[in-house]
C-alpha cells in the first residue's frame, strides 16, 4: 500500500496546483488499454465523471 499512498500524495499536490479545475481519478482497470475498445472504455469513464461534475464547460 506504500505505493498507493505515495500516488495519493502526488495527486493531492496536483489537485492543489490545478484548482479550481476538477481532477478525475480513473480506477485501476483489469485490462491494459491497447486498442480503440479500451480507449473507448476510458472515454466512457471520463464522460461519466464529467457528468457527475456538472458537464463540460462551453
C-alpha atoms as a PDB file:
ATOM      1  CA  UNK A   1       0.000   0.000   0.000  1.00  0.00           C
ATOM      2  CA  UNK A   2       3.000   2.335   0.273  1.00  0.00           C
ATOM      3  CA  UNK A   3       2.940   2.926  -3.492  1.00  0.00           C
ATOM      4  CA  UNK A   4      -0.768   3.788  -3.423  1.00  0.00           C
ATOM      5  CA  UNK A   5      -0.192   6.181  -0.515  1.00  0.00           C
ATOM      6  CA  UNK A   6       2.593   7.905  -2.454  1.00  0.00           C
ATOM      7  CA  UNK A   7       0.399   8.203  -5.536  1.00  0.00           C
ATOM      8  CA  UNK A   8      -2.410   9.706  -3.468  1.00  0.00           C
ATOM      9  CA  UNK A   9       0.021  12.246  -2.040  1.00  0.00           C
ATOM     10  CA  UNK A  10       1.183  13.195  -5.550  1.00  0.00           C
ATOM     11  CA  UNK A  11      -2.399  13.507  -6.768  1.00  0.00           C
ATOM     12  CA  UNK A  12      -3.313  15.742  -3.845  1.00  0.00           C
ATOM     13  CA  UNK A  13      -0.445  18.061  -4.766  1.00  0.00           C
ATOM     14  CA  UNK A  14      -1.541  18.099  -8.401  1.00  0.00           C
ATOM     15  CA  UNK A  15      -5.145  18.834  -7.448  1.00  0.00           C
ATOM     16  CA  UNK A  16      -3.970  21.815  -5.396  1.00  0.00           C
ATOM     17  CA  UNK A  17      -1.903  23.143  -8.307  1.00  0.00           C
ATOM     18  CA  UNK A  18      -4.717  22.988 -10.842  1.00  0.00           C
ATOM     19  CA  UNK A  19      -7.558  24.113  -8.549  1.00  0.00           C
ATOM     20  CA  UNK A  20     -10.305  25.063  -9.190  1.00  0.00           C
ATOM     21  CA  UNK A  21     -10.189  22.649 -12.157  1.00  0.00           C
ATOM     22  CA  UNK A  22     -11.520  19.225 -11.161  1.00  0.00           C
ATOM     23  CA  UNK A  23      -9.216  16.222 -11.029  1.00  0.00           C
ATOM     24  CA  UNK A  24     -10.888  12.967 -12.047  1.00  0.00           C
ATOM     25  CA  UNK A  25      -9.478   9.640 -10.935  1.00  0.00           C
ATOM     26  CA  UNK A  26      -9.801   6.656 -13.230  1.00  0.00           C
ATOM     27  CA  UNK A  27      -9.894   3.346 -11.351  1.00  0.00           C
ATOM     28  CA  UNK A  28      -7.270   0.697 -11.943  1.00  0.00           C
ATOM     29  CA  UNK A  29      -8.637  -1.378 -14.764  1.00  0.00           C
ATOM     30  CA  UNK A  30      -8.456  -5.165 -15.014  1.00  0.00           C
ATOM     31  CA  UNK A  31      -7.025  -4.826 -18.533  1.00  0.00           C
ATOM     32  CA  UNK A  32      -4.468  -2.811 -20.461  1.00  0.00           C
ATOM     33  CA  UNK A  33      -5.614  -0.074 -22.795  1.00  0.00           C
ATOM     34  CA  UNK A  34      -4.015  -1.212 -26.041  1.00  0.00           C
ATOM     35  CA  UNK A  35      -6.751  -0.664 -28.606  1.00  0.00           C
ATOM     36  CA  UNK A  36      -9.713   1.531 -29.505  1.00  0.00           C
ATOM     37  CA  UNK A  37     -12.088  -0.586 -27.440  1.00  0.00           C
ATOM     38  CA  UNK A  38     -10.011   0.037 -24.312  1.00  0.00           C
ATOM     39  CA  UNK A  39      -9.668   3.713 -25.155  1.00  0.00           C
ATOM     40  CA  UNK A  40     -13.439   3.890 -25.577  1.00  0.00           C
ATOM     41  CA  UNK A  41     -13.838   2.428 -22.099  1.00  0.00           C
ATOM     42  CA  UNK A  42     -11.577   5.149 -20.669  1.00  0.00           C
ATOM     43  CA  UNK A  43     -13.594   7.764 -22.565  1.00  0.00           C
ATOM     44  CA  UNK A  44     -16.844   6.487 -21.066  1.00  0.00           C
ATOM     45  CA  UNK A  45     -15.341   6.633 -17.570  1.00  0.00           C
ATOM     46  CA  UNK A  46     -14.179  10.210 -18.143  1.00  0.00           C
ATOM     47  CA  UNK A  47     -17.506  11.326 -19.560  1.00  0.00           C
ATOM     48  CA  UNK A  48     -19.473   9.797 -16.689  1.00  0.00           C
ATOM     49  CA  UNK A  49     -17.181  11.585 -14.231  1.00  0.00           C
ATOM     50  CA  UNK A  50     -17.718  14.804 -16.183  1.00  0.00           C
ATOM     51  CA  UNK A  51     -21.494  14.352 -15.970  1.00  0.00           C
ATOM     52  CA  UNK A  52     -21.213  13.898 -12.197  1.00  0.00           C
ATOM     53  CA  UNK A  53     -19.301  17.179 -12.000  1.00  0.00           C
ATOM     54  CA  UNK A  54     -21.965  19.097 -13.906  1.00  0.00           C
ATOM     55  CA  UNK A  55     -20.984  18.620 -17.526  1.00  0.00           C
ATOM     56  CA  UNK A  56     -18.462  20.207 -19.825  1.00  0.00           C
ATOM     57  CA  UNK A  57     -17.991  23.978 -19.726  1.00  0.00           C
ATOM     58  CA  UNK A  58     -18.613  25.634 -23.085  1.00  0.00           C
END
